[in-house]
Amino acid sequence: MLKAETLKQCRKCPRLVAFREETKRRYPDYFCLPVPAFGTDDAKIVIVGLAPGLHGANATGRPFTGDFAGLLLYRTLHRLGLSNQAEASALDDGLELRGCRITNAVKCVPPGNKPTTAEIETCAPYLKTELAGQPSGGVIIALGRIAHDAVLRALSTPLARHRFGHGVRHEVRDRIMWDSYHCSRYNTQTKRLTEASFVAVFEAALREVS
């Protein structure tokens, strides 16, 4: 399992380090470090997002906490019994996950929420270590194409074998991966992603491990 303290010391991507340090000067109370995974260490369900949000996980230090994208995610987890509450606002809000874990393909906040290909590849070993700790037969939920591709690379699987698509199920080595559009503000407000279609993906994933 990837240790949080090891991750927090990472300075491998100069652009991301410079951006998070600039952000720290502007917002001294923000976390502004690589954001570690959150949830059960041996989780059967691992949710992989894109990267920390500037005023969300980058501020709070916990994935999808304090930003718009987390509203639908944590509401869904609570609805399906995978968390003890439906909202995530801060590290001390009492939130606990049950049988699942949340992480990101890129651990540091990127400018404009757009990591470069090189930054995604540099961060890949961290995701690989995290997924290696998941029990065989586990399920991965990839939120968006970048997360989808990052998971495939972490599991040493050619991208051409598995095309991203919302609600698509993939058998990847000893795991199952379900794709979903990312629960971003843009996707939900444009109705590209509805709450019903998002919940349906999580229900399908939960059936895999029940």
N, C-alpha and C. Protein backbone atom coordinates (compact mmCIF):
# COMPACT_ATOMS: atom_id res chain seq x y z
N MET A 1 0.84 -1.19 0.00
CA MET A 1 0.00 0.00 0.00
C MET A 1 0.88 1.25 0.00
N LEU A 2 0.50 2.23 -0.78
CA LEU A 2 1.25 3.48 -0.87
C LEU A 2 1.07 4.28 0.42
N LYS A 3 2.18 4.66 1.03
CA LYS A 3 2.12 5.41 2.28
C LYS A 3 1.90 6.89 1.99
N ALA A 4 0.99 7.49 2.74
CA ALA A 4 0.64 8.89 2.52
C ALA A 4 1.85 9.80 2.68
N GLU A 5 2.69 9.55 3.67
CA GLU A 5 3.83 10.41 3.91
C GLU A 5 4.84 10.33 2.77
N THR A 6 4.99 9.15 2.18
CA THR A 6 5.88 9.00 1.03
C THR A 6 5.36 9.81 -0.15
N LEU A 7 4.05 9.72 -0.39
CA LEU A 7 3.44 10.45 -1.49
C LEU A 7 3.58 11.96 -1.32
N LYS A 8 3.38 12.45 -0.12
CA LYS A 8 3.40 13.89 0.14
C LYS A 8 4.77 14.51 -0.15
N GLN A 9 5.81 13.70 -0.16
CA GLN A 9 7.15 14.22 -0.39
C GLN A 9 7.50 14.30 -1.88
N CYS A 10 6.61 13.83 -2.75
CA CYS A 10 6.91 13.77 -4.18
C CYS A 10 7.03 15.17 -4.80
N ARG A 11 8.10 15.36 -5.59
CA ARG A 11 8.33 16.61 -6.30
C ARG A 11 8.79 16.31 -7.74
N LYS A 12 8.25 15.26 -8.32
CA LYS A 12 8.73 14.78 -9.62
C LYS A 12 8.26 15.62 -10.80
N CYS A 13 7.18 16.37 -10.65
CA CYS A 13 6.62 17.14 -11.77
C CYS A 13 6.80 18.64 -11.49
N PRO A 14 7.79 19.27 -12.10
CA PRO A 14 8.10 20.69 -11.80
C PRO A 14 6.90 21.62 -11.97
N ARG A 15 6.12 21.44 -13.01
CA ARG A 15 4.97 22.32 -13.25
C ARG A 15 3.94 22.20 -12.14
N LEU A 16 3.67 20.98 -11.71
CA LEU A 16 2.68 20.76 -10.66
C LEU A 16 3.19 21.26 -9.31
N VAL A 17 4.47 21.05 -9.04
CA VAL A 17 5.05 21.55 -7.79
C VAL A 17 4.97 23.07 -7.74
N ALA A 18 5.32 23.71 -8.85
CA ALA A 18 5.29 25.18 -8.91
C ALA A 18 3.87 25.69 -8.72
N PHE A 19 2.91 25.01 -9.32
CA PHE A 19 1.52 25.47 -9.22
C PHE A 19 0.97 25.29 -7.82
N ARG A 20 1.26 24.17 -7.19
CA ARG A 20 0.72 23.97 -5.84
C ARG A 20 1.41 24.91 -4.84
N GLU A 21 2.69 25.23 -5.07
CA GLU A 21 3.38 26.16 -4.18
C GLU A 21 2.87 27.59 -4.37
N GLU A 22 2.58 27.93 -5.62
CA GLU A 22 1.97 29.24 -5.88
C GLU A 22 0.59 29.33 -5.22
N THR A 23 -0.16 28.23 -5.31
CA THR A 23 -1.48 28.20 -4.69
C THR A 23 -1.39 28.30 -3.17
N LYS A 24 -0.37 27.68 -2.60
CA LYS A 24 -0.17 27.75 -1.15
C LYS A 24 0.09 29.17 -0.70
N ARG A 25 0.81 29.94 -1.50
CA ARG A 25 1.06 31.34 -1.16
C ARG A 25 -0.24 32.15 -1.20
N ARG A 26 -1.11 31.81 -2.15
CA ARG A 26 -2.38 32.53 -2.27
C ARG A 26 -3.38 32.09 -1.22
N TYR A 27 -3.33 30.79 -0.86
CA TYR A 27 -4.27 30.23 0.11
C TYR A 27 -3.48 29.46 1.17
N PRO A 28 -2.92 30.15 2.15
CA PRO A 28 -2.03 29.53 3.14
C PRO A 28 -2.65 28.36 3.91
N ASP A 29 -3.97 28.34 4.02
CA ASP A 29 -4.62 27.28 4.79
C ASP A 29 -4.89 26.02 3.96
N TYR A 30 -4.61 26.08 2.66
CA TYR A 30 -4.86 24.92 1.80
C TYR A 30 -3.81 23.83 2.02
N PHE A 31 -4.18 22.61 1.71
CA PHE A 31 -3.30 21.45 1.83
C PHE A 31 -2.12 21.56 0.87
N CYS A 32 -2.38 21.70 -0.42
CA CYS A 32 -1.38 21.97 -1.46
C CYS A 32 -0.20 20.99 -1.47
N LEU A 33 -0.51 19.71 -1.40
CA LEU A 33 0.46 18.62 -1.51
C LEU A 33 -0.18 17.50 -2.32
N PRO A 34 0.59 16.50 -2.72
CA PRO A 34 -0.04 15.34 -3.36
C PRO A 34 -1.10 14.75 -2.42
N VAL A 35 -2.28 14.49 -2.95
CA VAL A 35 -3.41 14.05 -2.12
C VAL A 35 -3.45 12.53 -2.05
N PRO A 36 -3.35 11.95 -0.85
CA PRO A 36 -3.39 10.49 -0.72
C PRO A 36 -4.79 9.94 -0.89
N ALA A 37 -4.86 8.63 -1.11
CA ALA A 37 -6.15 7.95 -1.25
C ALA A 37 -6.90 8.00 0.08
N PHE A 38 -8.20 7.77 -0.01
CA PHE A 38 -9.06 7.80 1.17
C PHE A 38 -9.98 6.58 1.16
N GLY A 39 -10.04 5.88 2.29
CA GLY A 39 -10.94 4.75 2.40
C GLY A 39 -10.28 3.51 2.95
N THR A 40 -10.92 2.38 2.74
CA THR A 40 -10.46 1.10 3.26
C THR A 40 -9.24 0.60 2.51
N ASP A 41 -8.20 0.18 3.22
CA ASP A 41 -6.95 -0.25 2.58
C ASP A 41 -7.15 -1.44 1.64
N ASP A 42 -7.94 -2.42 2.07
CA ASP A 42 -8.13 -3.63 1.27
C ASP A 42 -9.49 -3.60 0.54
N ALA A 43 -9.88 -2.42 0.08
CA ALA A 43 -11.20 -2.23 -0.50
C ALA A 43 -11.41 -3.09 -1.74
N LYS A 44 -12.60 -3.68 -1.84
CA LYS A 44 -12.97 -4.43 -3.03
C LYS A 44 -13.35 -3.48 -4.17
N ILE A 45 -13.76 -2.26 -3.83
CA ILE A 45 -14.11 -1.27 -4.85
C ILE A 45 -13.16 -0.08 -4.72
N VAL A 46 -12.46 0.23 -5.81
CA VAL A 46 -11.57 1.39 -5.85
C VAL A 46 -12.08 2.35 -6.91
N ILE A 47 -12.29 3.60 -6.52
CA ILE A 47 -12.78 4.64 -7.42
C ILE A 47 -11.60 5.52 -7.81
N VAL A 48 -11.39 5.67 -9.12
CA VAL A 48 -10.25 6.45 -9.60
C VAL A 48 -10.76 7.68 -10.35
N GLY A 49 -10.40 8.85 -9.85
CA GLY A 49 -10.76 10.10 -10.51
C GLY A 49 -9.60 10.64 -11.32
N LEU A 50 -9.70 11.90 -11.71
CA LEU A 50 -8.67 12.52 -12.53
C LEU A 50 -7.54 13.11 -11.68
N ALA A 51 -7.86 14.15 -10.92
CA ALA A 51 -6.85 14.85 -10.13
C ALA A 51 -7.56 15.69 -9.08
N PRO A 52 -6.84 16.15 -8.05
CA PRO A 52 -7.47 17.00 -7.03
C PRO A 52 -8.00 18.30 -7.63
N GLY A 53 -9.15 18.74 -7.16
CA GLY A 53 -9.69 20.03 -7.57
C GLY A 53 -8.99 21.14 -6.82
N LEU A 54 -8.84 22.29 -7.46
CA LEU A 54 -8.10 23.40 -6.87
C LEU A 54 -8.66 23.81 -5.51
N HIS A 55 -9.98 23.95 -5.42
CA HIS A 55 -10.60 24.37 -4.16
C HIS A 55 -11.31 23.22 -3.46
N GLY A 56 -11.01 22.00 -3.89
CA GLY A 56 -11.58 20.81 -3.28
C GLY A 56 -10.51 20.01 -2.57
N ALA A 57 -10.10 18.90 -3.18
CA ALA A 57 -9.10 18.04 -2.55
C ALA A 57 -7.77 18.74 -2.32
N ASN A 58 -7.40 19.64 -3.22
CA ASN A 58 -6.15 20.39 -3.01
C ASN A 58 -6.23 21.27 -1.77
N ALA A 59 -7.42 21.69 -1.43
CA ALA A 59 -7.60 22.52 -0.24
C ALA A 59 -7.73 21.68 1.03
N THR A 60 -8.47 20.58 0.93
CA THR A 60 -8.80 19.79 2.12
C THR A 60 -7.84 18.63 2.39
N GLY A 61 -7.19 18.12 1.32
CA GLY A 61 -6.29 16.99 1.50
C GLY A 61 -6.96 15.64 1.41
N ARG A 62 -8.21 15.60 0.91
CA ARG A 62 -8.92 14.33 0.77
C ARG A 62 -9.65 14.32 -0.57
N PRO A 63 -9.58 13.24 -1.32
CA PRO A 63 -10.20 13.21 -2.66
C PRO A 63 -11.68 13.60 -2.65
N PHE A 64 -12.05 14.44 -3.60
CA PHE A 64 -13.45 14.83 -3.84
C PHE A 64 -14.11 15.47 -2.62
N THR A 65 -13.33 16.06 -1.76
CA THR A 65 -13.87 16.67 -0.55
C THR A 65 -13.82 18.19 -0.65
N GLY A 66 -15.00 18.80 -0.53
CA GLY A 66 -15.08 20.25 -0.56
C GLY A 66 -15.29 20.84 -1.93
N ASP A 67 -15.54 20.01 -2.95
CA ASP A 67 -15.77 20.56 -4.28
C ASP A 67 -17.07 20.02 -4.88
N PHE A 68 -17.45 20.57 -6.03
CA PHE A 68 -18.72 20.22 -6.66
C PHE A 68 -18.77 18.74 -7.05
N ALA A 69 -17.68 18.22 -7.60
CA ALA A 69 -17.67 16.83 -8.07
C ALA A 69 -17.97 15.86 -6.93
N GLY A 70 -17.57 16.22 -5.72
CA GLY A 70 -17.79 15.33 -4.59
C GLY A 70 -19.24 15.24 -4.16
N LEU A 71 -20.05 16.22 -4.53
CA LEU A 71 -21.45 16.21 -4.09
C LEU A 71 -22.17 14.96 -4.56
N LEU A 72 -22.09 14.67 -5.86
CA LEU A 72 -22.76 13.50 -6.41
C LEU A 72 -22.08 12.21 -5.98
N LEU A 73 -20.75 12.23 -5.95
CA LEU A 73 -20.02 11.01 -5.59
C LEU A 73 -20.37 10.55 -4.18
N TYR A 74 -20.25 11.43 -3.20
CA TYR A 74 -20.48 11.00 -1.82
C TYR A 74 -21.96 10.76 -1.54
N ARG A 75 -22.81 11.46 -2.22
CA ARG A 75 -24.25 11.18 -2.08
C ARG A 75 -24.57 9.77 -2.59
N THR A 76 -23.92 9.39 -3.67
CA THR A 76 -24.12 8.05 -4.24
C THR A 76 -23.56 6.98 -3.32
N LEU A 77 -22.37 7.20 -2.79
CA LEU A 77 -21.77 6.22 -1.88
C LEU A 77 -22.64 6.01 -0.64
N HIS A 78 -23.18 7.09 -0.12
CA HIS A 78 -24.05 6.96 1.05
C HIS A 78 -25.34 6.23 0.71
N ARG A 79 -25.90 6.54 -0.42
CA ARG A 79 -27.14 5.90 -0.87
C ARG A 79 -26.97 4.38 -0.99
N LEU A 80 -25.77 3.94 -1.37
CA LEU A 80 -25.52 2.51 -1.57
C LEU A 80 -24.86 1.84 -0.37
N GLY A 81 -24.78 2.56 0.75
CA GLY A 81 -24.23 1.97 1.97
C GLY A 81 -22.72 1.89 2.01
N LEU A 82 -22.04 2.66 1.15
CA LEU A 82 -20.59 2.62 1.09
C LEU A 82 -19.93 3.74 1.90
N SER A 83 -20.74 4.57 2.54
CA SER A 83 -20.21 5.59 3.44
C SER A 83 -21.23 5.85 4.54
N ASN A 84 -20.78 6.48 5.61
CA ASN A 84 -21.66 6.72 6.75
C ASN A 84 -22.42 8.05 6.66
N GLN A 85 -22.08 8.88 5.67
CA GLN A 85 -22.79 10.14 5.50
C GLN A 85 -22.69 10.58 4.04
N ALA A 86 -23.55 11.50 3.66
CA ALA A 86 -23.70 11.86 2.25
C ALA A 86 -22.90 13.08 1.84
N GLU A 87 -22.20 13.73 2.77
CA GLU A 87 -21.47 14.93 2.44
C GLU A 87 -20.03 14.84 2.91
N ALA A 88 -19.15 15.51 2.15
CA ALA A 88 -17.74 15.56 2.50
C ALA A 88 -17.27 17.01 2.43
N SER A 89 -16.86 17.55 3.55
CA SER A 89 -16.49 18.97 3.57
C SER A 89 -15.07 19.21 4.06
N ALA A 90 -14.58 18.35 4.97
CA ALA A 90 -13.25 18.55 5.56
C ALA A 90 -12.77 17.26 6.19
N LEU A 91 -11.49 17.20 6.50
CA LEU A 91 -10.92 15.98 7.07
C LEU A 91 -11.56 15.60 8.40
N ASP A 92 -12.07 16.58 9.12
CA ASP A 92 -12.64 16.30 10.44
C ASP A 92 -14.16 16.25 10.42
N ASP A 93 -14.75 15.94 9.26
CA ASP A 93 -16.21 15.93 9.17
C ASP A 93 -16.85 14.61 9.58
N GLY A 94 -16.03 13.63 9.99
CA GLY A 94 -16.56 12.36 10.47
C GLY A 94 -16.88 11.35 9.38
N LEU A 95 -16.57 11.66 8.14
CA LEU A 95 -16.89 10.76 7.03
C LEU A 95 -16.03 9.50 7.07
N GLU A 96 -16.68 8.37 6.87
CA GLU A 96 -15.97 7.08 6.79
C GLU A 96 -16.51 6.30 5.59
N LEU A 97 -15.62 5.62 4.88
CA LEU A 97 -16.03 4.77 3.77
C LEU A 97 -16.08 3.32 4.21
N ARG A 98 -16.92 2.54 3.53
CA ARG A 98 -17.12 1.13 3.88
C ARG A 98 -16.86 0.26 2.66
N GLY A 99 -15.74 -0.45 2.66
CA GLY A 99 -15.45 -1.38 1.58
C GLY A 99 -15.05 -0.74 0.28
N CYS A 100 -14.71 0.54 0.30
CA CYS A 100 -14.27 1.20 -0.92
C CYS A 100 -13.17 2.21 -0.61
N ARG A 101 -12.49 2.63 -1.65
CA ARG A 101 -11.41 3.60 -1.52
C ARG A 101 -11.46 4.53 -2.73
N ILE A 102 -11.07 5.77 -2.52
CA ILE A 102 -11.08 6.77 -3.59
C ILE A 102 -9.67 7.31 -3.77
N THR A 103 -9.24 7.41 -5.02
CA THR A 103 -7.93 7.97 -5.34
C THR A 103 -8.03 8.71 -6.66
N ASN A 104 -6.90 9.21 -7.14
CA ASN A 104 -6.86 9.92 -8.42
C ASN A 104 -5.70 9.43 -9.27
N ALA A 105 -5.86 9.56 -10.59
CA ALA A 105 -4.79 9.19 -11.51
C ALA A 105 -3.58 10.09 -11.32
N VAL A 106 -3.84 11.37 -11.06
CA VAL A 106 -2.78 12.35 -10.79
C VAL A 106 -3.00 12.89 -9.38
N LYS A 107 -1.97 12.89 -8.57
CA LYS A 107 -2.13 13.18 -7.15
C LYS A 107 -2.07 14.67 -6.81
N CYS A 108 -1.51 15.50 -7.70
CA CYS A 108 -1.41 16.93 -7.45
C CYS A 108 -2.38 17.70 -8.32
N VAL A 109 -2.83 18.83 -7.84
CA VAL A 109 -3.73 19.68 -8.62
C VAL A 109 -2.99 20.22 -9.84
N PRO A 110 -3.55 20.08 -11.04
CA PRO A 110 -2.91 20.63 -12.24
C PRO A 110 -3.54 21.96 -12.63
N PRO A 111 -2.78 22.84 -13.22
CA PRO A 111 -3.37 24.11 -13.72
C PRO A 111 -4.50 23.83 -14.70
N GLY A 112 -5.61 24.53 -14.51
CA GLY A 112 -6.74 24.34 -15.41
C GLY A 112 -7.35 22.97 -15.36
N ASN A 113 -7.02 22.19 -14.31
CA ASN A 113 -7.53 20.83 -14.16
C ASN A 113 -7.12 19.94 -15.33
N LYS A 114 -5.96 20.26 -15.96
CA LYS A 114 -5.52 19.50 -17.13
C LYS A 114 -4.06 19.06 -16.96
N PRO A 115 -3.84 17.86 -16.46
CA PRO A 115 -2.47 17.36 -16.38
C PRO A 115 -1.94 17.02 -17.77
N THR A 116 -0.64 17.12 -17.94
CA THR A 116 -0.03 16.74 -19.21
C THR A 116 0.13 15.22 -19.26
N THR A 117 0.37 14.72 -20.46
CA THR A 117 0.60 13.28 -20.62
C THR A 117 1.80 12.84 -19.79
N ALA A 118 2.84 13.65 -19.79
CA ALA A 118 4.05 13.31 -19.03
C ALA A 118 3.76 13.26 -17.54
N GLU A 119 2.92 14.16 -17.04
CA GLU A 119 2.58 14.16 -15.62
C GLU A 119 1.75 12.94 -15.24
N ILE A 120 0.85 12.55 -16.12
CA ILE A 120 0.04 11.35 -15.87
C ILE A 120 0.95 10.13 -15.81
N GLU A 121 1.90 10.07 -16.73
CA GLU A 121 2.82 8.93 -16.76
C GLU A 121 3.76 8.92 -15.56
N THR A 122 4.18 10.10 -15.12
CA THR A 122 5.05 10.18 -13.95
C THR A 122 4.35 9.71 -12.68
N CYS A 123 3.05 9.98 -12.61
CA CYS A 123 2.27 9.61 -11.43
C CYS A 123 1.81 8.15 -11.48
N ALA A 124 1.92 7.51 -12.62
CA ALA A 124 1.38 6.16 -12.81
C ALA A 124 1.90 5.14 -11.80
N PRO A 125 3.19 5.16 -11.43
CA PRO A 125 3.66 4.16 -10.46
C PRO A 125 2.92 4.21 -9.12
N TYR A 126 2.46 5.40 -8.72
CA TYR A 126 1.71 5.52 -7.48
C TYR A 126 0.37 4.80 -7.59
N LEU A 127 -0.31 5.00 -8.71
CA LEU A 127 -1.58 4.31 -8.91
C LEU A 127 -1.36 2.81 -9.01
N LYS A 128 -0.30 2.41 -9.65
CA LYS A 128 0.01 0.99 -9.77
C LYS A 128 0.19 0.35 -8.40
N THR A 129 0.90 1.05 -7.51
CA THR A 129 1.10 0.54 -6.15
C THR A 129 -0.22 0.44 -5.40
N GLU A 130 -1.07 1.44 -5.57
CA GLU A 130 -2.37 1.42 -4.90
C GLU A 130 -3.23 0.25 -5.38
N LEU A 131 -3.27 0.05 -6.68
CA LEU A 131 -4.10 -1.02 -7.23
C LEU A 131 -3.54 -2.40 -6.90
N ALA A 132 -2.23 -2.48 -6.72
CA ALA A 132 -1.61 -3.76 -6.36
C ALA A 132 -2.10 -4.23 -5.00
N GLY A 133 -2.53 -3.29 -4.15
CA GLY A 133 -3.02 -3.66 -2.83
C GLY A 133 -4.47 -4.07 -2.81
N GLN A 134 -5.15 -3.96 -3.94
CA GLN A 134 -6.56 -4.36 -4.00
C GLN A 134 -6.66 -5.88 -4.14
N PRO A 135 -7.57 -6.51 -3.42
CA PRO A 135 -7.72 -7.97 -3.53
C PRO A 135 -8.08 -8.39 -4.94
N SER A 136 -7.61 -9.57 -5.34
CA SER A 136 -7.97 -10.13 -6.64
C SER A 136 -9.49 -10.26 -6.72
N GLY A 137 -10.03 -9.96 -7.90
CA GLY A 137 -11.48 -9.99 -8.06
C GLY A 137 -12.16 -8.70 -7.69
N GLY A 138 -11.37 -7.70 -7.35
CA GLY A 138 -11.94 -6.41 -6.99
C GLY A 138 -12.45 -5.66 -8.21
N VAL A 139 -13.16 -4.57 -7.93
CA VAL A 139 -13.75 -3.76 -8.98
C VAL A 139 -13.18 -2.34 -8.92
N ILE A 140 -12.88 -1.81 -10.09
CA ILE A 140 -12.39 -0.44 -10.21
C ILE A 140 -13.44 0.37 -10.96
N ILE A 141 -13.75 1.54 -10.47
CA ILE A 141 -14.64 2.46 -11.18
C ILE A 141 -13.80 3.62 -11.66
N ALA A 142 -13.68 3.76 -12.98
CA ALA A 142 -12.88 4.83 -13.57
C ALA A 142 -13.77 6.00 -13.93
N LEU A 143 -13.51 7.14 -13.34
CA LEU A 143 -14.32 8.34 -13.58
C LEU A 143 -13.66 9.17 -14.69
N GLY A 144 -14.05 8.92 -15.93
CA GLY A 144 -13.51 9.65 -17.06
C GLY A 144 -12.45 8.87 -17.81
N ARG A 145 -12.17 9.33 -19.03
CA ARG A 145 -11.25 8.59 -19.91
C ARG A 145 -9.83 8.61 -19.38
N ILE A 146 -9.38 9.74 -18.81
CA ILE A 146 -8.00 9.78 -18.31
C ILE A 146 -7.80 8.76 -17.19
N ALA A 147 -8.78 8.66 -16.30
CA ALA A 147 -8.69 7.65 -15.24
C ALA A 147 -8.74 6.25 -15.83
N HIS A 148 -9.60 6.04 -16.81
CA HIS A 148 -9.71 4.76 -17.51
C HIS A 148 -8.35 4.35 -18.09
N ASP A 149 -7.72 5.26 -18.82
CA ASP A 149 -6.42 4.95 -19.43
C ASP A 149 -5.36 4.72 -18.37
N ALA A 150 -5.39 5.50 -17.30
CA ALA A 150 -4.39 5.36 -16.23
C ALA A 150 -4.50 4.01 -15.55
N VAL A 151 -5.72 3.53 -15.35
CA VAL A 151 -5.91 2.21 -14.74
C VAL A 151 -5.35 1.12 -15.65
N LEU A 152 -5.64 1.21 -16.93
CA LEU A 152 -5.12 0.21 -17.87
C LEU A 152 -3.60 0.17 -17.86
N ARG A 153 -2.99 1.34 -17.86
CA ARG A 153 -1.52 1.39 -17.81
C ARG A 153 -1.00 0.81 -16.50
N ALA A 154 -1.68 1.13 -15.39
CA ALA A 154 -1.25 0.62 -14.09
C ALA A 154 -1.34 -0.89 -14.02
N LEU A 155 -2.29 -1.47 -14.76
CA LEU A 155 -2.46 -2.92 -14.78
C LEU A 155 -1.78 -3.56 -15.99
N SER A 156 -0.89 -2.78 -16.63
CA SER A 156 -0.09 -3.27 -17.76
C SER A 156 -0.94 -3.89 -18.85
N THR A 157 -2.00 -3.18 -19.23
CA THR A 157 -2.93 -3.66 -20.25
C THR A 157 -2.98 -2.65 -21.41
N PRO A 158 -2.82 -3.11 -22.66
CA PRO A 158 -2.87 -2.20 -23.81
C PRO A 158 -4.18 -1.43 -23.87
N LEU A 159 -4.10 -0.15 -24.11
CA LEU A 159 -5.30 0.69 -24.16
C LEU A 159 -6.23 0.29 -25.29
N ALA A 160 -5.67 -0.21 -26.37
CA ALA A 160 -6.48 -0.54 -27.54
C ALA A 160 -7.48 -1.66 -27.27
N ARG A 161 -7.25 -2.43 -26.25
CA ARG A 161 -8.15 -3.55 -25.95
C ARG A 161 -9.44 -3.10 -25.26
N HIS A 162 -9.41 -1.91 -24.67
CA HIS A 162 -10.56 -1.47 -23.88
C HIS A 162 -10.84 0.00 -24.16
N ARG A 163 -11.91 0.28 -24.86
CA ARG A 163 -12.29 1.66 -25.16
C ARG A 163 -13.21 2.21 -24.08
N PHE A 164 -12.96 3.45 -23.70
CA PHE A 164 -13.77 4.09 -22.67
C PHE A 164 -15.21 4.32 -23.16
N GLY A 165 -16.16 4.10 -22.27
CA GLY A 165 -17.55 4.41 -22.55
C GLY A 165 -18.36 4.35 -21.28
N HIS A 166 -19.21 5.32 -21.07
CA HIS A 166 -19.99 5.34 -19.84
C HIS A 166 -20.82 4.06 -19.70
N GLY A 167 -20.72 3.43 -18.53
CA GLY A 167 -21.48 2.21 -18.27
C GLY A 167 -20.91 0.97 -18.90
N VAL A 168 -19.69 1.06 -19.43
CA VAL A 168 -19.07 -0.10 -20.08
C VAL A 168 -18.27 -0.89 -19.05
N ARG A 169 -18.40 -2.21 -19.12
CA ARG A 169 -17.71 -3.12 -18.20
C ARG A 169 -16.51 -3.74 -18.92
N HIS A 170 -15.37 -3.77 -18.24
CA HIS A 170 -14.15 -4.33 -18.80
C HIS A 170 -13.58 -5.39 -17.86
N GLU A 171 -13.14 -6.49 -18.40
CA GLU A 171 -12.39 -7.49 -17.63
C GLU A 171 -10.92 -7.23 -17.89
N VAL A 172 -10.20 -6.81 -16.85
CA VAL A 172 -8.80 -6.43 -16.98
C VAL A 172 -7.97 -7.28 -16.02
N ARG A 173 -7.31 -8.27 -16.59
CA ARG A 173 -6.54 -9.21 -15.78
C ARG A 173 -7.43 -9.84 -14.71
N ASP A 174 -7.13 -9.65 -13.43
CA ASP A 174 -7.95 -10.27 -12.39
C ASP A 174 -8.94 -9.28 -11.78
N ARG A 175 -9.23 -8.19 -12.49
CA ARG A 175 -10.15 -7.18 -11.98
C ARG A 175 -11.28 -6.94 -12.98
N ILE A 176 -12.29 -6.26 -12.49
CA ILE A 176 -13.36 -5.74 -13.33
C ILE A 176 -13.28 -4.22 -13.25
N MET A 177 -13.36 -3.55 -14.39
CA MET A 177 -13.39 -2.09 -14.38
C MET A 177 -14.68 -1.61 -15.03
N TRP A 178 -15.35 -0.71 -14.34
CA TRP A 178 -16.54 -0.05 -14.87
C TRP A 178 -16.20 1.40 -15.17
N ASP A 179 -16.62 1.87 -16.34
CA ASP A 179 -16.39 3.26 -16.73
C ASP A 179 -17.60 4.12 -16.38
N SER A 180 -17.31 5.36 -16.00
CA SER A 180 -18.36 6.36 -15.83
C SER A 180 -17.82 7.70 -16.29
N TYR A 181 -18.70 8.53 -16.84
CA TYR A 181 -18.29 9.91 -17.05
C TYR A 181 -17.94 10.50 -15.69
N HIS A 182 -17.00 11.41 -15.69
CA HIS A 182 -16.60 12.07 -14.45
C HIS A 182 -17.76 12.90 -13.91
N CYS A 183 -17.89 12.93 -12.60
CA CYS A 183 -18.99 13.67 -11.95
C CYS A 183 -18.64 15.14 -11.78
N SER A 184 -18.12 15.74 -12.83
CA SER A 184 -17.72 17.14 -12.81
C SER A 184 -18.94 18.05 -12.95
N ARG A 185 -18.75 19.31 -12.65
CA ARG A 185 -19.81 20.29 -12.80
C ARG A 185 -20.29 20.35 -14.25
N TYR A 186 -19.33 20.36 -15.18
CA TYR A 186 -19.69 20.44 -16.60
C TYR A 186 -20.56 19.26 -17.03
N ASN A 187 -20.13 18.05 -16.68
CA ASN A 187 -20.87 16.86 -17.11
C ASN A 187 -22.26 16.78 -16.51
N THR A 188 -22.40 17.18 -15.25
CA THR A 188 -23.72 17.08 -14.61
C THR A 188 -24.64 18.22 -15.05
N GLN A 189 -24.11 19.42 -15.21
CA GLN A 189 -24.97 20.54 -15.59
C GLN A 189 -25.41 20.47 -17.04
N THR A 190 -24.59 19.84 -17.89
CA THR A 190 -24.99 19.67 -19.30
C THR A 190 -25.82 18.42 -19.50
N LYS A 191 -26.03 17.65 -18.42
CA LYS A 191 -26.81 16.41 -18.45
C LYS A 191 -26.12 15.30 -19.23
N ARG A 192 -24.86 15.50 -19.55
CA ARG A 192 -24.10 14.38 -20.13
C ARG A 192 -24.08 13.22 -19.14
N LEU A 193 -24.00 13.58 -17.86
CA LEU A 193 -24.09 12.60 -16.78
C LEU A 193 -25.26 12.97 -15.89
N THR A 194 -26.19 12.05 -15.74
CA THR A 194 -27.31 12.25 -14.83
C THR A 194 -27.05 11.48 -13.54
N GLU A 195 -27.76 11.85 -12.50
CA GLU A 195 -27.58 11.12 -11.24
C GLU A 195 -27.98 9.66 -11.42
N ALA A 196 -29.03 9.40 -12.16
CA ALA A 196 -29.48 8.02 -12.36
C ALA A 196 -28.43 7.20 -13.10
N SER A 197 -27.82 7.77 -14.13
CA SER A 197 -26.83 7.00 -14.89
C SER A 197 -25.55 6.80 -14.09
N PHE A 198 -25.24 7.74 -13.20
CA PHE A 198 -24.06 7.61 -12.34
C PHE A 198 -24.30 6.52 -11.30
N VAL A 199 -25.45 6.58 -10.65
CA VAL A 199 -25.79 5.58 -9.64
C VAL A 199 -25.82 4.19 -10.24
N ALA A 200 -26.30 4.07 -11.47
CA ALA A 200 -26.40 2.76 -12.12
C ALA A 200 -25.04 2.09 -12.26
N VAL A 201 -24.01 2.87 -12.55
CA VAL A 201 -22.66 2.31 -12.65
C VAL A 201 -22.22 1.77 -11.30
N PHE A 202 -22.47 2.51 -10.24
CA PHE A 202 -22.05 2.09 -8.91
C PHE A 202 -22.86 0.87 -8.44
N GLU A 203 -24.13 0.82 -8.79
CA GLU A 203 -24.93 -0.35 -8.45
C GLU A 203 -24.38 -1.58 -9.16
N ALA A 204 -23.99 -1.45 -10.41
CA ALA A 204 -23.43 -2.57 -11.16
C ALA A 204 -22.11 -3.04 -10.53
N ALA A 205 -21.28 -2.07 -10.15
CA ALA A 205 -20.01 -2.43 -9.53
C ALA A 205 -20.23 -3.13 -8.19
N LEU A 206 -21.19 -2.65 -7.43
CA LEU A 206 -21.46 -3.23 -6.12
C LEU A 206 -21.97 -4.67 -6.25
N ARG A 207 -22.75 -4.94 -7.29
CA ARG A 207 -23.21 -6.31 -7.52
C ARG A 207 -22.06 -7.27 -7.79
N GLU A 208 -21.00 -6.76 -8.36
CA GLU A 208 -19.84 -7.61 -8.67
C GLU A 208 -19.17 -8.15 -7.41
N VAL A 209 -19.25 -7.42 -6.32
CA VAL A 209 -18.55 -7.83 -5.10
C VAL A 209 -19.50 -8.29 -4.00
N SER A 210 -20.79 -8.30 -4.29
CA SER A 210 -21.77 -8.71 -3.26
C SER A 210 -21.86 -10.23 -3.17
